[in-house]
N, C-alpha and C. Protein backbone atom coordinates (compact mmCIF):
# COMPACT_ATOMS: atom_id res chain seq x y z
N UNK A 1 16.07 -48.13 -16.80
CA UNK A 1 16.59 -46.78 -16.74
C UNK A 1 16.50 -46.10 -18.11
N UNK A 2 16.64 -46.88 -19.16
CA UNK A 2 16.54 -46.35 -20.52
C UNK A 2 15.21 -45.66 -20.74
N UNK A 3 14.14 -46.23 -20.21
CA UNK A 3 12.79 -45.69 -20.37
C UNK A 3 12.68 -44.32 -19.73
N UNK A 4 13.30 -44.11 -18.55
CA UNK A 4 13.27 -42.82 -17.85
C UNK A 4 14.01 -41.75 -18.64
N UNK A 5 15.15 -42.11 -19.22
CA UNK A 5 15.93 -41.16 -20.01
C UNK A 5 15.20 -40.77 -21.29
N UNK A 6 14.60 -41.73 -21.97
CA UNK A 6 13.93 -41.41 -23.21
C UNK A 6 12.70 -40.54 -22.94
N UNK A 7 12.03 -40.78 -21.82
CA UNK A 7 10.89 -39.94 -21.47
C UNK A 7 11.36 -38.52 -21.17
N UNK A 8 12.47 -38.41 -20.45
CA UNK A 8 13.01 -37.10 -20.11
C UNK A 8 13.43 -36.35 -21.37
N UNK A 9 14.10 -37.02 -22.29
CA UNK A 9 14.53 -36.42 -23.55
C UNK A 9 13.32 -35.98 -24.36
N UNK A 10 12.29 -36.86 -24.41
CA UNK A 10 11.06 -36.53 -25.13
C UNK A 10 10.42 -35.27 -24.55
N UNK A 11 10.31 -35.19 -23.22
CA UNK A 11 9.71 -34.02 -22.58
C UNK A 11 10.53 -32.76 -22.81
N UNK A 12 11.85 -32.88 -22.79
CA UNK A 12 12.71 -31.73 -23.05
C UNK A 12 12.52 -31.21 -24.46
N UNK A 13 12.43 -32.12 -25.42
CA UNK A 13 12.23 -31.71 -26.82
C UNK A 13 10.87 -31.04 -26.99
N UNK A 14 9.85 -31.62 -26.34
CA UNK A 14 8.51 -31.01 -26.42
C UNK A 14 8.52 -29.60 -25.85
N UNK A 15 9.19 -29.43 -24.73
CA UNK A 15 9.27 -28.12 -24.08
C UNK A 15 9.99 -27.12 -24.98
N UNK A 16 11.07 -27.52 -25.60
CA UNK A 16 11.81 -26.65 -26.50
C UNK A 16 10.97 -26.27 -27.71
N UNK A 17 10.30 -27.25 -28.30
CA UNK A 17 9.46 -26.99 -29.47
C UNK A 17 8.29 -26.07 -29.12
N UNK A 18 7.66 -26.31 -27.98
CA UNK A 18 6.51 -25.48 -27.58
C UNK A 18 6.93 -24.04 -27.30
N UNK A 19 8.05 -23.88 -26.59
CA UNK A 19 8.48 -22.52 -26.28
C UNK A 19 8.92 -21.79 -27.55
N UNK A 20 9.54 -22.50 -28.48
CA UNK A 20 9.93 -21.89 -29.75
C UNK A 20 8.72 -21.49 -30.56
N UNK A 21 7.71 -22.36 -30.61
CA UNK A 21 6.50 -22.05 -31.37
C UNK A 21 5.75 -20.88 -30.76
N UNK A 22 5.68 -20.81 -29.45
CA UNK A 22 4.97 -19.69 -28.81
C UNK A 22 5.75 -18.39 -29.01
N UNK A 23 7.07 -18.46 -29.02
CA UNK A 23 7.87 -17.26 -29.26
C UNK A 23 7.67 -16.72 -30.66
N UNK A 24 7.59 -17.62 -31.64
CA UNK A 24 7.34 -17.20 -33.02
C UNK A 24 5.95 -16.61 -33.13
N UNK A 25 4.98 -17.24 -32.47
CA UNK A 25 3.61 -16.72 -32.48
C UNK A 25 3.53 -15.33 -31.88
N UNK A 26 4.27 -15.09 -30.81
CA UNK A 26 4.26 -13.77 -30.17
C UNK A 26 4.91 -12.74 -31.09
N UNK A 27 5.97 -13.13 -31.79
CA UNK A 27 6.62 -12.19 -32.70
C UNK A 27 5.69 -11.82 -33.85
N UNK A 28 5.00 -12.81 -34.40
CA UNK A 28 4.10 -12.56 -35.52
C UNK A 28 2.93 -11.70 -35.06
N UNK A 29 2.34 -12.04 -33.92
CA UNK A 29 1.20 -11.25 -33.44
C UNK A 29 1.64 -9.85 -33.03
N UNK A 30 2.87 -9.70 -32.62
CA UNK A 30 3.38 -8.37 -32.26
C UNK A 30 3.52 -7.46 -33.47
N UNK A 31 3.72 -8.04 -34.63
CA UNK A 31 3.86 -7.24 -35.85
C UNK A 31 2.52 -6.85 -36.44
N UNK A 32 1.52 -7.67 -36.25
CA UNK A 32 0.21 -7.42 -36.86
C UNK A 32 -0.57 -6.43 -36.04
N UNK A 33 -1.11 -5.43 -36.69
CA UNK A 33 -2.01 -4.48 -36.03
C UNK A 33 -1.35 -3.61 -34.98
N UNK A 34 -0.09 -3.34 -35.10
CA UNK A 34 0.55 -2.50 -34.11
C UNK A 34 0.12 -1.06 -34.29
N UNK A 35 0.01 -0.37 -33.18
CA UNK A 35 -0.37 1.03 -33.19
C UNK A 35 0.89 1.85 -33.42
N UNK A 36 0.83 2.76 -34.33
CA UNK A 36 2.00 3.59 -34.60
C UNK A 36 2.23 4.53 -33.43
N UNK A 37 3.48 4.69 -33.06
CA UNK A 37 3.82 5.60 -31.99
C UNK A 37 3.59 7.03 -32.43
N UNK A 38 3.12 7.83 -31.49
CA UNK A 38 2.91 9.24 -31.79
C UNK A 38 4.22 9.96 -31.51
N UNK A 39 4.75 10.57 -32.52
CA UNK A 39 6.01 11.28 -32.40
C UNK A 39 5.71 12.75 -32.14
N UNK A 40 6.30 13.25 -31.08
CA UNK A 40 6.08 14.66 -30.76
C UNK A 40 6.69 15.52 -31.86
N UNK A 41 5.89 16.43 -32.35
CA UNK A 41 6.35 17.32 -33.40
C UNK A 41 6.75 18.66 -32.79
N UNK A 42 7.62 19.33 -33.48
CA UNK A 42 7.95 20.68 -33.05
C UNK A 42 6.73 21.56 -33.28
N UNK A 43 6.47 22.46 -32.35
CA UNK A 43 5.30 23.32 -32.55
C UNK A 43 5.43 24.15 -33.81
N UNK A 44 4.32 24.29 -34.52
CA UNK A 44 4.33 25.11 -35.71
C UNK A 44 4.45 26.57 -35.29
N UNK A 45 4.92 27.46 -36.18
CA UNK A 45 5.13 28.86 -35.82
C UNK A 45 3.90 29.51 -35.21
N UNK A 46 2.69 29.15 -35.70
CA UNK A 46 1.50 29.79 -35.15
C UNK A 46 1.12 29.24 -33.77
N UNK A 47 1.73 28.11 -33.33
CA UNK A 47 1.41 27.52 -32.04
C UNK A 47 2.54 27.72 -31.03
N UNK A 48 3.44 28.64 -31.27
CA UNK A 48 4.57 28.82 -30.39
C UNK A 48 4.25 29.70 -29.19
N UNK A 49 3.00 29.98 -28.94
CA UNK A 49 2.60 30.76 -27.78
C UNK A 49 2.94 30.02 -26.50
N UNK A 50 1.94 29.51 -25.83
CA UNK A 50 2.12 28.79 -24.58
C UNK A 50 2.37 27.31 -24.88
N UNK A 51 3.54 26.78 -24.50
CA UNK A 51 3.83 25.38 -24.78
C UNK A 51 2.89 24.42 -24.05
N UNK A 52 2.27 24.88 -22.98
CA UNK A 52 1.35 24.03 -22.22
C UNK A 52 0.00 23.88 -22.92
N UNK A 53 -0.22 24.65 -23.97
CA UNK A 53 -1.47 24.54 -24.72
C UNK A 53 -1.24 23.90 -26.08
N UNK A 54 0.00 23.52 -26.39
CA UNK A 54 0.33 22.90 -27.67
C UNK A 54 0.08 21.39 -27.57
N UNK A 55 -0.93 20.91 -28.25
CA UNK A 55 -1.28 19.50 -28.23
C UNK A 55 -0.92 18.80 -29.54
N UNK A 56 -0.02 19.38 -30.32
CA UNK A 56 0.31 18.83 -31.64
C UNK A 56 0.92 17.43 -31.56
N UNK A 57 1.58 17.06 -30.49
CA UNK A 57 2.18 15.73 -30.37
C UNK A 57 1.36 14.77 -29.53
N UNK A 58 0.14 15.17 -29.15
CA UNK A 58 -0.70 14.35 -28.28
C UNK A 58 -1.67 13.52 -29.12
N UNK A 59 -1.80 12.26 -28.78
CA UNK A 59 -2.72 11.34 -29.47
C UNK A 59 -4.15 11.87 -29.39
N UNK A 60 -4.90 11.82 -30.49
CA UNK A 60 -6.29 12.31 -30.49
C UNK A 60 -7.17 11.66 -29.41
N UNK A 61 -6.88 10.41 -29.07
CA UNK A 61 -7.65 9.73 -28.02
C UNK A 61 -7.43 10.45 -26.69
N UNK A 62 -6.20 10.85 -26.41
CA UNK A 62 -5.91 11.57 -25.17
C UNK A 62 -6.50 12.97 -25.19
N UNK A 63 -6.57 13.59 -26.34
CA UNK A 63 -7.20 14.91 -26.43
C UNK A 63 -8.68 14.79 -26.09
N UNK A 64 -9.33 13.75 -26.58
CA UNK A 64 -10.75 13.52 -26.26
C UNK A 64 -10.92 13.22 -24.78
N UNK A 65 -9.98 12.48 -24.20
CA UNK A 65 -10.05 12.17 -22.77
C UNK A 65 -9.95 13.45 -21.94
N UNK A 66 -9.07 14.37 -22.35
CA UNK A 66 -8.93 15.65 -21.66
C UNK A 66 -10.27 16.39 -21.68
N UNK A 67 -10.91 16.39 -22.87
CA UNK A 67 -12.19 17.08 -23.00
C UNK A 67 -13.26 16.41 -22.14
N UNK A 68 -13.30 15.07 -22.15
CA UNK A 68 -14.29 14.33 -21.38
C UNK A 68 -14.14 14.57 -19.87
N UNK A 69 -12.91 14.80 -19.43
CA UNK A 69 -12.65 15.06 -18.01
C UNK A 69 -12.84 16.53 -17.66
N UNK A 70 -13.19 17.34 -18.64
CA UNK A 70 -13.47 18.76 -18.40
C UNK A 70 -12.24 19.60 -18.11
N UNK A 71 -11.08 19.20 -18.64
CA UNK A 71 -9.86 19.98 -18.38
C UNK A 71 -9.95 21.36 -19.01
N UNK A 72 -9.63 22.38 -18.21
CA UNK A 72 -9.53 23.76 -18.69
C UNK A 72 -8.19 24.31 -18.22
N UNK A 73 -7.66 25.27 -18.97
CA UNK A 73 -6.32 25.79 -18.66
C UNK A 73 -6.31 26.76 -17.49
N UNK A 74 -7.47 27.29 -17.12
CA UNK A 74 -7.56 28.21 -15.99
C UNK A 74 -8.72 27.80 -15.11
N UNK A 75 -8.41 27.42 -13.89
CA UNK A 75 -9.43 26.93 -12.98
C UNK A 75 -10.44 28.02 -12.63
N UNK A 76 -11.74 27.70 -12.70
CA UNK A 76 -12.75 28.66 -12.28
C UNK A 76 -12.83 28.76 -10.75
N UNK A 77 -12.17 27.81 -10.07
CA UNK A 77 -12.16 27.78 -8.61
C UNK A 77 -10.71 27.93 -8.16
N UNK A 78 -10.32 29.10 -7.67
CA UNK A 78 -8.91 29.36 -7.34
C UNK A 78 -8.28 28.33 -6.39
N UNK A 79 -9.05 27.75 -5.50
CA UNK A 79 -8.49 26.78 -4.55
C UNK A 79 -8.37 25.37 -5.13
N UNK A 80 -8.86 25.18 -6.35
CA UNK A 80 -8.84 23.85 -6.97
C UNK A 80 -8.12 23.91 -8.31
N UNK A 81 -6.80 24.08 -8.24
CA UNK A 81 -5.96 24.12 -9.42
C UNK A 81 -5.20 22.81 -9.54
N UNK A 82 -4.76 22.51 -10.75
CA UNK A 82 -4.06 21.25 -11.01
C UNK A 82 -2.86 21.04 -10.07
N UNK A 83 -2.10 22.09 -9.82
CA UNK A 83 -0.91 21.90 -8.99
C UNK A 83 -1.22 21.64 -7.52
N UNK A 84 -2.50 21.70 -7.13
CA UNK A 84 -2.88 21.34 -5.76
C UNK A 84 -3.71 20.06 -5.75
N UNK A 85 -3.69 19.32 -6.87
CA UNK A 85 -4.44 18.07 -7.01
C UNK A 85 -3.51 16.88 -6.78
N UNK A 86 -4.05 15.81 -6.21
CA UNK A 86 -3.21 14.63 -5.96
C UNK A 86 -2.85 13.88 -7.24
N UNK A 87 -3.50 14.20 -8.35
CA UNK A 87 -3.21 13.56 -9.64
C UNK A 87 -2.18 14.34 -10.46
N UNK A 88 -1.74 15.47 -9.96
CA UNK A 88 -0.78 16.36 -10.62
C UNK A 88 0.60 15.72 -10.71
N UNK A 89 1.21 15.83 -11.88
CA UNK A 89 2.59 15.42 -12.07
C UNK A 89 3.39 16.72 -12.23
N UNK A 90 4.22 17.06 -11.24
CA UNK A 90 4.94 18.34 -11.28
C UNK A 90 5.82 18.47 -12.53
N UNK A 91 5.96 19.71 -12.98
CA UNK A 91 6.80 19.96 -14.14
C UNK A 91 8.25 19.65 -13.81
N UNK A 92 8.96 19.19 -14.83
CA UNK A 92 10.38 18.90 -14.68
C UNK A 92 11.14 20.21 -14.68
N UNK A 93 12.34 20.17 -14.14
CA UNK A 93 13.17 21.36 -14.05
C UNK A 93 13.35 22.00 -15.43
N UNK A 94 13.10 23.29 -15.50
CA UNK A 94 13.24 24.03 -16.75
C UNK A 94 12.02 23.96 -17.66
N UNK A 95 10.97 23.29 -17.23
CA UNK A 95 9.75 23.16 -18.03
C UNK A 95 8.62 23.98 -17.40
N UNK A 96 7.70 24.44 -18.24
CA UNK A 96 6.57 25.24 -17.76
C UNK A 96 5.35 24.38 -17.44
N UNK A 97 5.28 23.20 -18.05
CA UNK A 97 4.08 22.38 -17.96
C UNK A 97 4.31 21.15 -17.08
N UNK A 98 3.27 20.79 -16.37
CA UNK A 98 3.29 19.54 -15.63
C UNK A 98 2.48 18.52 -16.41
N UNK A 99 1.93 17.57 -15.69
CA UNK A 99 1.12 16.55 -16.33
C UNK A 99 0.04 16.07 -15.38
N UNK A 100 -0.70 15.08 -15.81
CA UNK A 100 -1.78 14.52 -15.02
C UNK A 100 -1.73 13.00 -15.13
N UNK A 101 -2.09 12.31 -14.06
CA UNK A 101 -2.11 10.86 -14.08
C UNK A 101 -3.28 10.32 -14.91
N UNK A 102 -4.28 11.14 -15.20
CA UNK A 102 -5.47 10.68 -15.91
C UNK A 102 -5.38 10.76 -17.42
N UNK A 103 -4.55 11.67 -17.94
CA UNK A 103 -4.45 11.83 -19.39
C UNK A 103 -3.08 12.34 -19.77
N UNK A 104 -2.73 12.14 -21.05
CA UNK A 104 -1.42 12.55 -21.55
C UNK A 104 -1.46 13.99 -22.05
N UNK A 105 -0.30 14.58 -22.14
CA UNK A 105 -0.18 15.93 -22.68
C UNK A 105 0.16 16.93 -21.58
N UNK A 106 0.54 18.13 -22.00
CA UNK A 106 0.93 19.16 -21.06
C UNK A 106 -0.27 19.68 -20.26
N UNK A 107 0.01 20.03 -19.00
CA UNK A 107 -1.03 20.55 -18.11
C UNK A 107 -0.50 21.79 -17.40
N UNK A 108 -1.29 22.83 -17.41
CA UNK A 108 -0.91 24.07 -16.72
C UNK A 108 -1.14 23.92 -15.21
N UNK A 109 -0.23 24.46 -14.40
CA UNK A 109 -0.42 24.38 -12.95
C UNK A 109 -1.74 25.00 -12.49
N UNK A 110 -2.20 26.05 -13.19
CA UNK A 110 -3.44 26.72 -12.79
C UNK A 110 -4.67 26.16 -13.50
N UNK A 111 -4.51 24.99 -14.15
CA UNK A 111 -5.63 24.34 -14.82
C UNK A 111 -6.56 23.65 -13.83
N UNK A 112 -7.58 22.99 -14.37
CA UNK A 112 -8.57 22.31 -13.53
C UNK A 112 -9.33 21.29 -14.38
N UNK A 113 -9.80 20.21 -13.73
CA UNK A 113 -10.72 19.28 -14.39
C UNK A 113 -11.73 18.78 -13.36
N UNK A 114 -12.72 18.06 -13.83
CA UNK A 114 -13.80 17.62 -12.94
C UNK A 114 -13.34 16.55 -11.95
N UNK A 115 -12.18 15.95 -12.17
CA UNK A 115 -11.67 14.92 -11.26
C UNK A 115 -10.65 15.47 -10.26
N UNK A 116 -10.65 16.77 -10.04
CA UNK A 116 -9.72 17.37 -9.09
C UNK A 116 -9.93 16.74 -7.72
N UNK A 117 -8.83 16.38 -7.07
CA UNK A 117 -8.88 15.81 -5.72
C UNK A 117 -7.76 16.43 -4.91
N UNK A 118 -8.06 16.85 -3.68
CA UNK A 118 -7.03 17.52 -2.87
C UNK A 118 -5.85 16.60 -2.52
N UNK A 119 -4.68 17.18 -2.45
CA UNK A 119 -3.51 16.43 -2.01
C UNK A 119 -3.70 16.10 -0.54
N UNK A 120 -3.28 14.93 -0.18
CA UNK A 120 -3.45 14.51 1.21
C UNK A 120 -2.17 14.70 1.98
């Protein structure tokens, strides 16, 4: 019976050591190369026009994604506006801008992109 207990104790210690080592490894790797969070800035005085066109707090990668998807603030096709797209995220109460499931940043209800899809 002694042999069974010592094996069990040995396995428990190994498990504790391995989980501790992997936890330390995750903490160290989590610190290295972290991407800085983009903090939304207050719009500058010259950008206080339409809040749905203010991209000052949007990551440059997302701005490029918006461009690549052909997002425009006014749809050239009246029946294909962002607010009638299945990817539309409705604006929150008291807000003018909605959003899109494909990219970050404010989206105008009357906007449009090449990935417009009708709501089902």
